[in-house]
Amino acid sequence: MTQVNLIHLSKIYEGTDVPALQDLSLELASGRITAVLGPSGCGKTTLLKLIAGLLYPSQGDIIFDGQSVLPIPAERRGAVMVFQNHLLFPYLSVAENVGFGLKMQGVDRQTIRRRVAEMLGLVQLPGYEERRPRQLSGGQQQRVALARALIVQPRVLLLDEPLSNLDAHLRNDMQDLILEVQRRLGLTTIIVTHDQVTATTLADQIGLMFDGRLHQFGRPQAFYERPVSVRVARFFGGANFVPGIKHEAQVETALGIFHCPAAASHPDGPVTLTIRPEHLQLSQNGIRQNGVEATVQSCLYLGLNTRFKVQTAQTLIPLEIVTSTTHLEQFSKGQRVTLHFPPDKIWLTPPEQPK
């Protein structure tokens, strides 16, 4: 198991003044899965290539187990990358593709055959040695690429968008395989993805990037329950945002004054009150603490849940609520309701910056 530390990493490509990566520092847990998450073009793949040794940073350092790996070339660094498009050799067999790294190391043929069989068993493709990449499905090609990376016993495994080219069924199978490989081998694994579900399903910790910068790092639950900004909250699903002024343990907004335990640790001043749609509560009872009168604007049946949009007299933007479909018969379009903000479900973030 390898501890990876990234220290003030920056990368500026030749011919541009805009950094692809800006002053990024991370401590990646040994033997765990870390997801680097963000939209296209935010610097995720650049980061992966820096760790692999395929690029050299403009600034900063990369540490494996307390030692800088910058002087070590990619082929000896021990960080192996599985690319999004697999990059299998089309005219080699599966066995030749998987065993290629060992062949380059001068390992004898008998050992290569044995190790190839072991790796194909690990990725659940036993008996596929003589097939060609063109005879494989996209999911099978991904497994072969993974086996090729694992056969050289890397210190760090790097996966670039491992699920992006797979349909829903194959995506679930590949998720299960990655988790099983991680459980059996205990490799320090770094996954790059643009998909929140992939990150939260696979990773022990997540780093969220925008515009080449790290915006939040921590356990998956924190991004949903305690986002550090409106931008982070939006990236992790729907949320309602209400501008306000925080003073002590309450927030004054256009909707009224809300009591909020989370406010105690937040500095006084302008804030954005953030609450997820499933945490808002609808009722036909009268106004109580943290309650607001509203009118149901629309109801959308989603199966187990129903999504409501409600309009208040104080704001132009409707609020969104997701609740159990058992409420479908209780509330209807045009009905007056009470909207309740549970104090323990409110989270405060800095005011949203204008674009």
Foldseek 3Di string as FASTA:
>chain_A
DKKKWWAQFWADDPPDPAILAGGDTDTFDALFEEEEAEDPSQNQVVVLCCLLQVDPTPDTFMDIRRHTCRVPHNLPSLEDEQEPQRPFDQPAFLLCRLLVNVVVVVDDPVVSVVLSQVLCVLLVNHPRRGHGPVVDDPLVSLSSSVSSSPSVPGQEYEYEASQPPDDPVSSVVVLVSVQSCSVVNSHRYYYYDHDLVSRLSGGQKYFYGGSNYTQDIGGSVCLQQPNQAPVSNVSVDDKDKFKFWDDAQWTQGLQGIAGANQSNPPDTTIKIKIFHQAQKDKDADDDDHQKGKWFWADWADDDQKIKTWTGGPRDDHTDIHIYGCVCVVVHDGGDIIMIHHPRHRIYIYHDDDDD
